[in-house]
Amino acid sequence: MICERIEDFAAALPRTGAIAGLDLGTKTIGVAVSDGLRSVASPLTVIRRQKFTLDAAELLRIAAERGLAGLVLGLPRNMDGTEGARAQSTRAFARNLERLTPLPLAFWDERLSTVAAERALLEADASRRKRAEVIDQVAAAYILQGALDRLGYLE
């Protein structure tokens, strides 16, 4: 089930249970997960994109292994709020994933999440190589934390 509004996503979730945040890039998918009470997002891994069926299988494996209750996909809007080709690609990915899982799916505006992640890694004095390895999962954590904060406000 794809939830266009975070309020609908909140209604579709059980009271507790971890959720995942996804930063869908053209070459990688950054994955972050929350704790069971949905208060803190933590970077988890980066999936190297291959084709949809393999990418989805890996995501669903992680979801099953961790007992996830839902997925939040970063929606890359333009700075003026409009949706371009990358946002449409994310929506298509969600539609295809929806056919494979009963988990609720939601979108979260990911504008500037990669910039924030890069800044945090620079402040942590991470090397250029280390930043390149983890930037997508840290961006996914920023996306997920934004959604978690909003979900907490709705309770």
N, C-alpha and C. Protein backbone atom coordinates (compact mmCIF):
# COMPACT_ATOMS: atom_id res chain seq x y z
N MET A 1 0.85 -1.17 0.00
CA MET A 1 0.00 0.00 0.00
C MET A 1 0.90 1.25 0.00
N ILE A 2 0.70 2.11 -0.97
CA ILE A 2 1.45 3.37 -1.04
C ILE A 2 0.63 4.45 -0.36
N CYS A 3 1.24 5.11 0.60
CA CYS A 3 0.58 6.19 1.33
C CYS A 3 1.15 7.52 0.86
N GLU A 4 0.33 8.32 0.24
CA GLU A 4 0.79 9.63 -0.24
C GLU A 4 1.04 10.61 0.91
N ARG A 5 0.24 10.48 1.97
CA ARG A 5 0.40 11.38 3.12
C ARG A 5 0.99 10.61 4.30
N ILE A 6 1.86 11.25 5.05
CA ILE A 6 2.49 10.59 6.19
C ILE A 6 1.45 10.20 7.25
N GLU A 7 0.35 10.94 7.30
CA GLU A 7 -0.73 10.61 8.24
C GLU A 7 -1.35 9.25 7.89
N ASP A 8 -1.50 8.98 6.58
CA ASP A 8 -2.04 7.69 6.14
C ASP A 8 -1.05 6.56 6.45
N PHE A 9 0.23 6.86 6.28
CA PHE A 9 1.27 5.89 6.60
C PHE A 9 1.22 5.55 8.09
N ALA A 10 1.10 6.57 8.93
CA ALA A 10 1.02 6.37 10.38
C ALA A 10 -0.16 5.47 10.73
N ALA A 11 -1.29 5.69 10.08
CA ALA A 11 -2.50 4.90 10.35
C ALA A 11 -2.33 3.45 9.91
N ALA A 12 -1.50 3.22 8.89
CA ALA A 12 -1.30 1.86 8.36
C ALA A 12 -0.28 1.06 9.16
N LEU A 13 0.50 1.73 10.00
CA LEU A 13 1.55 1.05 10.77
C LEU A 13 1.01 0.48 12.07
N PRO A 14 1.61 -0.63 12.53
CA PRO A 14 1.29 -1.10 13.88
C PRO A 14 1.88 -0.10 14.89
N ARG A 15 1.50 -0.20 16.15
CA ARG A 15 1.95 0.77 17.15
C ARG A 15 3.47 0.80 17.32
N THR A 16 4.10 -0.36 17.22
CA THR A 16 5.56 -0.41 17.34
C THR A 16 6.12 -1.23 16.18
N GLY A 17 7.40 -1.18 16.06
CA GLY A 17 8.08 -1.92 14.99
C GLY A 17 8.94 -0.98 14.17
N ALA A 18 10.12 -1.44 13.85
CA ALA A 18 11.07 -0.63 13.10
C ALA A 18 10.57 -0.38 11.67
N ILE A 19 11.02 0.73 11.12
CA ILE A 19 10.76 1.03 9.71
C ILE A 19 12.10 1.37 9.06
N ALA A 20 12.13 1.30 7.74
CA ALA A 20 13.35 1.59 7.00
C ALA A 20 13.17 2.83 6.17
N GLY A 21 14.26 3.54 5.96
CA GLY A 21 14.30 4.68 5.06
C GLY A 21 15.19 4.33 3.89
N LEU A 22 14.78 4.73 2.70
CA LEU A 22 15.53 4.41 1.48
C LEU A 22 15.89 5.68 0.72
N ASP A 23 17.15 5.77 0.32
CA ASP A 23 17.61 6.84 -0.55
C ASP A 23 17.92 6.19 -1.88
N LEU A 24 16.99 6.31 -2.84
CA LEU A 24 17.13 5.65 -4.14
C LEU A 24 17.98 6.51 -5.07
N GLY A 25 19.15 6.01 -5.39
CA GLY A 25 19.99 6.69 -6.36
C GLY A 25 20.00 5.89 -7.65
N THR A 26 20.69 6.38 -8.65
CA THR A 26 20.74 5.66 -9.92
C THR A 26 21.66 4.45 -9.84
N LYS A 27 22.69 4.50 -8.98
CA LYS A 27 23.65 3.40 -8.86
C LYS A 27 23.54 2.63 -7.56
N THR A 28 22.97 3.27 -6.53
CA THR A 28 22.89 2.64 -5.21
C THR A 28 21.56 2.96 -4.54
N ILE A 29 21.26 2.16 -3.51
CA ILE A 29 20.12 2.43 -2.63
C ILE A 29 20.68 2.48 -1.22
N GLY A 30 20.61 3.65 -0.60
CA GLY A 30 21.02 3.76 0.79
C GLY A 30 19.88 3.28 1.67
N VAL A 31 20.22 2.50 2.71
CA VAL A 31 19.20 1.94 3.60
C VAL A 31 19.54 2.33 5.03
N ALA A 32 18.53 2.82 5.74
CA ALA A 32 18.65 3.12 7.16
C ALA A 32 17.46 2.49 7.86
N VAL A 33 17.61 2.18 9.14
CA VAL A 33 16.51 1.58 9.89
C VAL A 33 16.32 2.33 11.21
N SER A 34 15.11 2.23 11.72
CA SER A 34 14.81 2.84 13.02
C SER A 34 14.85 1.77 14.09
N ASP A 35 14.80 2.23 15.33
CA ASP A 35 14.60 1.31 16.44
C ASP A 35 13.13 0.93 16.47
N GLY A 36 12.76 -0.02 17.30
CA GLY A 36 11.39 -0.51 17.36
C GLY A 36 10.37 0.53 17.80
N LEU A 37 10.83 1.52 18.59
CA LEU A 37 9.92 2.57 19.04
C LEU A 37 9.88 3.76 18.09
N ARG A 38 10.63 3.65 17.02
CA ARG A 38 10.65 4.67 15.95
C ARG A 38 11.07 6.05 16.44
N SER A 39 12.18 6.09 17.19
CA SER A 39 12.66 7.40 17.62
C SER A 39 13.99 7.78 16.98
N VAL A 40 14.83 6.79 16.63
CA VAL A 40 16.16 7.08 16.10
C VAL A 40 16.41 6.30 14.81
N ALA A 41 16.90 7.00 13.80
CA ALA A 41 17.28 6.37 12.53
C ALA A 41 18.78 6.11 12.53
N SER A 42 19.17 4.95 12.05
CA SER A 42 20.59 4.59 11.96
C SER A 42 20.90 4.09 10.56
N PRO A 43 22.02 4.57 9.98
CA PRO A 43 22.43 4.06 8.67
C PRO A 43 22.67 2.55 8.77
N LEU A 44 22.30 1.80 7.74
CA LEU A 44 22.46 0.35 7.78
C LEU A 44 23.42 -0.15 6.70
N THR A 45 23.08 0.10 5.44
CA THR A 45 23.87 -0.46 4.35
C THR A 45 23.60 0.29 3.05
N VAL A 46 24.36 -0.07 2.04
CA VAL A 46 24.15 0.44 0.69
C VAL A 46 24.00 -0.76 -0.23
N ILE A 47 22.95 -0.76 -1.02
CA ILE A 47 22.71 -1.81 -2.01
C ILE A 47 23.16 -1.27 -3.36
N ARG A 48 24.06 -2.00 -4.02
CA ARG A 48 24.48 -1.62 -5.38
C ARG A 48 23.37 -2.04 -6.32
N ARG A 49 22.82 -1.08 -7.05
CA ARG A 49 21.68 -1.38 -7.92
C ARG A 49 22.11 -2.25 -9.09
N GLN A 50 21.23 -3.21 -9.39
CA GLN A 50 21.43 -4.09 -10.53
C GLN A 50 20.21 -3.98 -11.43
N LYS A 51 19.20 -4.78 -11.14
CA LYS A 51 17.92 -4.61 -11.81
C LYS A 51 16.85 -4.68 -10.74
N PHE A 52 15.66 -4.23 -11.06
CA PHE A 52 14.63 -4.09 -10.03
C PHE A 52 14.40 -5.36 -9.23
N THR A 53 14.27 -6.50 -9.89
CA THR A 53 13.94 -7.73 -9.17
C THR A 53 15.00 -8.07 -8.12
N LEU A 54 16.27 -7.88 -8.46
CA LEU A 54 17.35 -8.16 -7.51
C LEU A 54 17.37 -7.12 -6.38
N ASP A 55 17.18 -5.85 -6.75
CA ASP A 55 17.15 -4.78 -5.75
C ASP A 55 16.01 -5.00 -4.76
N ALA A 56 14.82 -5.32 -5.29
CA ALA A 56 13.64 -5.53 -4.45
C ALA A 56 13.84 -6.76 -3.56
N ALA A 57 14.42 -7.82 -4.11
CA ALA A 57 14.65 -9.03 -3.31
C ALA A 57 15.56 -8.72 -2.13
N GLU A 58 16.59 -7.92 -2.34
CA GLU A 58 17.50 -7.56 -1.24
C GLU A 58 16.79 -6.70 -0.20
N LEU A 59 16.00 -5.74 -0.66
CA LEU A 59 15.24 -4.90 0.28
C LEU A 59 14.26 -5.73 1.10
N LEU A 60 13.56 -6.62 0.44
CA LEU A 60 12.58 -7.45 1.15
C LEU A 60 13.25 -8.45 2.08
N ARG A 61 14.46 -8.89 1.73
CA ARG A 61 15.24 -9.75 2.63
C ARG A 61 15.57 -9.00 3.92
N ILE A 62 16.03 -7.75 3.76
CA ILE A 62 16.34 -6.92 4.93
C ILE A 62 15.08 -6.69 5.76
N ALA A 63 13.96 -6.40 5.08
CA ALA A 63 12.70 -6.15 5.78
C ALA A 63 12.26 -7.37 6.58
N ALA A 64 12.38 -8.55 5.99
CA ALA A 64 11.97 -9.78 6.68
C ALA A 64 12.92 -10.09 7.84
N GLU A 65 14.21 -9.95 7.59
CA GLU A 65 15.23 -10.25 8.59
C GLU A 65 15.07 -9.36 9.84
N ARG A 66 14.70 -8.12 9.62
CA ARG A 66 14.59 -7.16 10.72
C ARG A 66 13.16 -6.97 11.20
N GLY A 67 12.21 -7.66 10.58
CA GLY A 67 10.82 -7.54 11.00
C GLY A 67 10.27 -6.13 10.83
N LEU A 68 10.60 -5.50 9.72
CA LEU A 68 10.19 -4.11 9.51
C LEU A 68 8.68 -3.98 9.33
N ALA A 69 8.16 -2.83 9.78
CA ALA A 69 6.72 -2.57 9.71
C ALA A 69 6.35 -1.69 8.52
N GLY A 70 7.31 -1.02 7.89
CA GLY A 70 7.03 -0.14 6.77
C GLY A 70 8.31 0.39 6.16
N LEU A 71 8.16 1.05 5.00
CA LEU A 71 9.30 1.61 4.27
C LEU A 71 9.00 3.05 3.89
N VAL A 72 9.99 3.92 4.09
CA VAL A 72 9.89 5.32 3.69
C VAL A 72 10.90 5.56 2.58
N LEU A 73 10.40 6.01 1.43
CA LEU A 73 11.27 6.28 0.29
C LEU A 73 11.48 7.78 0.17
N GLY A 74 12.74 8.18 0.04
CA GLY A 74 13.03 9.58 -0.18
C GLY A 74 12.52 10.00 -1.55
N LEU A 75 11.75 11.08 -1.61
CA LEU A 75 11.20 11.57 -2.87
C LEU A 75 11.99 12.81 -3.28
N PRO A 76 12.79 12.71 -4.35
CA PRO A 76 13.65 13.82 -4.75
C PRO A 76 12.91 14.90 -5.53
N ARG A 77 12.35 15.83 -4.80
CA ARG A 77 11.67 16.96 -5.44
C ARG A 77 12.69 18.01 -5.86
N ASN A 78 12.31 18.83 -6.83
CA ASN A 78 13.13 19.97 -7.21
C ASN A 78 13.02 21.02 -6.11
N MET A 79 13.93 21.97 -6.10
CA MET A 79 13.94 22.97 -5.03
C MET A 79 12.66 23.80 -5.01
N ASP A 80 11.96 23.91 -6.15
CA ASP A 80 10.70 24.67 -6.18
C ASP A 80 9.50 23.80 -5.80
N GLY A 81 9.76 22.53 -5.41
CA GLY A 81 8.68 21.65 -4.97
C GLY A 81 8.09 20.78 -6.07
N THR A 82 8.45 21.02 -7.31
CA THR A 82 7.93 20.21 -8.40
C THR A 82 8.64 18.86 -8.45
N GLU A 83 8.07 17.93 -9.19
CA GLU A 83 8.67 16.61 -9.33
C GLU A 83 9.21 16.44 -10.73
N GLY A 84 10.44 16.00 -10.81
CA GLY A 84 11.08 15.76 -12.10
C GLY A 84 11.21 14.28 -12.39
N ALA A 85 12.13 13.95 -13.27
CA ALA A 85 12.32 12.56 -13.71
C ALA A 85 12.73 11.64 -12.56
N ARG A 86 13.59 12.11 -11.65
CA ARG A 86 14.03 11.25 -10.54
C ARG A 86 12.87 10.93 -9.60
N ALA A 87 11.99 11.90 -9.37
CA ALA A 87 10.82 11.66 -8.51
C ALA A 87 9.89 10.65 -9.18
N GLN A 88 9.72 10.76 -10.47
CA GLN A 88 8.86 9.81 -11.20
C GLN A 88 9.47 8.41 -11.15
N SER A 89 10.78 8.33 -11.23
CA SER A 89 11.47 7.04 -11.13
C SER A 89 11.25 6.42 -9.74
N THR A 90 11.30 7.25 -8.71
CA THR A 90 11.05 6.78 -7.34
C THR A 90 9.62 6.29 -7.19
N ARG A 91 8.67 7.02 -7.75
CA ARG A 91 7.27 6.59 -7.69
C ARG A 91 7.05 5.26 -8.43
N ALA A 92 7.73 5.09 -9.56
CA ALA A 92 7.63 3.84 -10.32
C ALA A 92 8.22 2.69 -9.51
N PHE A 93 9.34 2.93 -8.86
CA PHE A 93 9.95 1.91 -8.01
C PHE A 93 8.97 1.50 -6.90
N ALA A 94 8.33 2.48 -6.28
CA ALA A 94 7.36 2.20 -5.21
C ALA A 94 6.18 1.38 -5.74
N ARG A 95 5.67 1.74 -6.91
CA ARG A 95 4.54 0.99 -7.50
C ARG A 95 4.93 -0.47 -7.75
N ASN A 96 6.14 -0.68 -8.25
CA ASN A 96 6.61 -2.04 -8.51
C ASN A 96 6.83 -2.81 -7.20
N LEU A 97 7.37 -2.13 -6.20
CA LEU A 97 7.63 -2.76 -4.90
C LEU A 97 6.32 -3.10 -4.19
N GLU A 98 5.33 -2.24 -4.37
CA GLU A 98 4.01 -2.45 -3.74
C GLU A 98 3.41 -3.80 -4.14
N ARG A 99 3.70 -4.24 -5.35
CA ARG A 99 3.17 -5.52 -5.84
C ARG A 99 3.80 -6.72 -5.14
N LEU A 100 4.96 -6.49 -4.49
CA LEU A 100 5.72 -7.60 -3.91
C LEU A 100 5.63 -7.69 -2.39
N THR A 101 5.05 -6.69 -1.74
CA THR A 101 5.03 -6.69 -0.29
C THR A 101 3.76 -6.06 0.26
N PRO A 102 3.27 -6.57 1.39
CA PRO A 102 2.11 -5.95 2.03
C PRO A 102 2.50 -4.75 2.92
N LEU A 103 3.81 -4.51 3.07
CA LEU A 103 4.26 -3.41 3.93
C LEU A 103 3.79 -2.06 3.38
N PRO A 104 3.35 -1.16 4.27
CA PRO A 104 3.00 0.18 3.80
C PRO A 104 4.25 0.93 3.35
N LEU A 105 4.10 1.69 2.28
CA LEU A 105 5.18 2.50 1.72
C LEU A 105 4.78 3.96 1.79
N ALA A 106 5.74 4.81 2.11
CA ALA A 106 5.47 6.25 2.17
C ALA A 106 6.61 6.98 1.49
N PHE A 107 6.33 8.23 1.11
CA PHE A 107 7.35 9.09 0.53
C PHE A 107 7.69 10.18 1.54
N TRP A 108 8.95 10.62 1.52
CA TRP A 108 9.37 11.74 2.36
C TRP A 108 10.25 12.64 1.51
N ASP A 109 9.97 13.92 1.55
CA ASP A 109 10.73 14.91 0.78
C ASP A 109 12.20 14.83 1.17
N GLU A 110 13.04 14.52 0.21
CA GLU A 110 14.45 14.34 0.53
C GLU A 110 15.33 15.51 0.10
N ARG A 111 14.72 16.63 -0.21
CA ARG A 111 15.53 17.78 -0.63
C ARG A 111 16.61 18.06 0.41
N LEU A 112 17.81 18.20 -0.05
CA LEU A 112 18.99 18.54 0.75
C LEU A 112 19.45 17.46 1.71
N SER A 113 18.88 16.25 1.65
CA SER A 113 19.32 15.20 2.58
C SER A 113 20.78 14.80 2.30
N THR A 114 21.17 14.72 1.03
CA THR A 114 22.54 14.36 0.71
C THR A 114 23.49 15.47 1.13
N VAL A 115 23.07 16.72 0.98
CA VAL A 115 23.89 17.85 1.41
C VAL A 115 24.10 17.80 2.92
N ALA A 116 23.04 17.52 3.66
CA ALA A 116 23.13 17.42 5.13
C ALA A 116 24.03 16.25 5.52
N ALA A 117 23.89 15.13 4.83
CA ALA A 117 24.72 13.96 5.13
C ALA A 117 26.19 14.27 4.85
N GLU A 118 26.46 14.90 3.73
CA GLU A 118 27.84 15.27 3.37
C GLU A 118 28.43 16.20 4.43
N ARG A 119 27.66 17.18 4.86
CA ARG A 119 28.12 18.12 5.88
C ARG A 119 28.45 17.40 7.19
N ALA A 120 27.57 16.48 7.59
CA ALA A 120 27.80 15.72 8.83
C ALA A 120 29.07 14.87 8.72
N LEU A 121 29.28 14.26 7.57
CA LEU A 121 30.48 13.43 7.40
C LEU A 121 31.74 14.29 7.36
N LEU A 122 31.65 15.48 6.78
CA LEU A 122 32.80 16.39 6.79
C LEU A 122 33.12 16.83 8.22
N GLU A 123 32.08 17.14 8.99
CA GLU A 123 32.28 17.54 10.38
C GLU A 123 32.88 16.41 11.20
N ALA A 124 32.56 15.16 10.82
CA ALA A 124 33.12 13.99 11.51
C ALA A 124 34.52 13.67 11.00
N ASP A 125 35.02 14.48 10.08
CA ASP A 125 36.35 14.34 9.51
C ASP A 125 36.53 13.01 8.78
N ALA A 126 35.46 12.54 8.13
CA ALA A 126 35.55 11.31 7.34
C ALA A 126 36.34 11.58 6.07
N SER A 127 37.17 10.63 5.69
CA SER A 127 37.96 10.79 4.47
C SER A 127 37.04 10.79 3.25
N ARG A 128 37.55 11.28 2.14
CA ARG A 128 36.78 11.32 0.91
C ARG A 128 36.30 9.91 0.53
N ARG A 129 37.19 8.93 0.68
CA ARG A 129 36.83 7.55 0.34
C ARG A 129 35.73 7.03 1.26
N LYS A 130 35.86 7.29 2.56
CA LYS A 130 34.86 6.83 3.52
C LYS A 130 33.51 7.51 3.26
N ARG A 131 33.55 8.82 2.95
CA ARG A 131 32.30 9.54 2.64
C ARG A 131 31.61 8.90 1.45
N ALA A 132 32.37 8.57 0.41
CA ALA A 132 31.79 7.96 -0.79
C ALA A 132 31.14 6.62 -0.47
N GLU A 133 31.72 5.88 0.47
CA GLU A 133 31.18 4.56 0.83
C GLU A 133 29.86 4.65 1.59
N VAL A 134 29.73 5.69 2.44
CA VAL A 134 28.59 5.72 3.36
C VAL A 134 27.56 6.83 3.10
N ILE A 135 27.83 7.71 2.16
CA ILE A 135 26.96 8.88 1.96
C ILE A 135 25.50 8.50 1.73
N ASP A 136 25.24 7.44 0.96
CA ASP A 136 23.87 7.07 0.64
C ASP A 136 23.11 6.55 1.86
N GLN A 137 23.79 5.76 2.70
CA GLN A 137 23.09 5.26 3.89
C GLN A 137 22.91 6.36 4.93
N VAL A 138 23.83 7.31 4.99
CA VAL A 138 23.66 8.44 5.90
C VAL A 138 22.52 9.34 5.40
N ALA A 139 22.44 9.54 4.10
CA ALA A 139 21.32 10.31 3.53
C ALA A 139 20.00 9.60 3.82
N ALA A 140 19.97 8.27 3.72
CA ALA A 140 18.76 7.50 4.04
C ALA A 140 18.37 7.72 5.50
N ALA A 141 19.37 7.81 6.38
CA ALA A 141 19.08 8.06 7.80
C ALA A 141 18.48 9.45 8.00
N TYR A 142 18.95 10.44 7.26
CA TYR A 142 18.36 11.78 7.35
C TYR A 142 16.91 11.77 6.89
N ILE A 143 16.66 11.06 5.79
CA ILE A 143 15.29 10.94 5.28
C ILE A 143 14.40 10.27 6.32
N LEU A 144 14.86 9.14 6.85
CA LEU A 144 14.09 8.39 7.83
C LEU A 144 13.87 9.20 9.10
N GLN A 145 14.89 9.90 9.56
CA GLN A 145 14.74 10.68 10.80
C GLN A 145 13.70 11.77 10.64
N GLY A 146 13.65 12.40 9.48
CA GLY A 146 12.61 13.39 9.23
C GLY A 146 11.22 12.79 9.32
N ALA A 147 11.05 11.61 8.73
CA ALA A 147 9.75 10.93 8.79
C ALA A 147 9.43 10.49 10.22
N LEU A 148 10.43 9.98 10.94
CA LEU A 148 10.22 9.55 12.33
C LEU A 148 9.79 10.73 13.20
N ASP A 149 10.45 11.86 13.01
CA ASP A 149 10.09 13.05 13.80
C ASP A 149 8.64 13.45 13.54
N ARG A 150 8.23 13.40 12.28
CA ARG A 150 6.86 13.74 11.93
C ARG A 150 5.88 12.71 12.51
N LEU A 151 6.22 11.43 12.41
CA LEU A 151 5.36 10.39 12.97
C LEU A 151 5.22 10.56 14.48
N GLY A 152 6.29 10.92 15.16
CA GLY A 152 6.24 11.14 16.60
C GLY A 152 5.34 12.29 16.96
N TYR A 153 5.34 13.31 16.11
CA TYR A 153 4.50 14.48 16.34
C TYR A 153 3.01 14.13 16.19
N LEU A 154 2.72 13.17 15.31
CA LEU A 154 1.33 12.80 15.04
C LEU A 154 0.70 11.98 16.16
N GLU A 155 1.52 11.34 16.98
CA GLU A 155 0.99 10.46 18.05
C GLU A 155 0.26 11.23 19.12
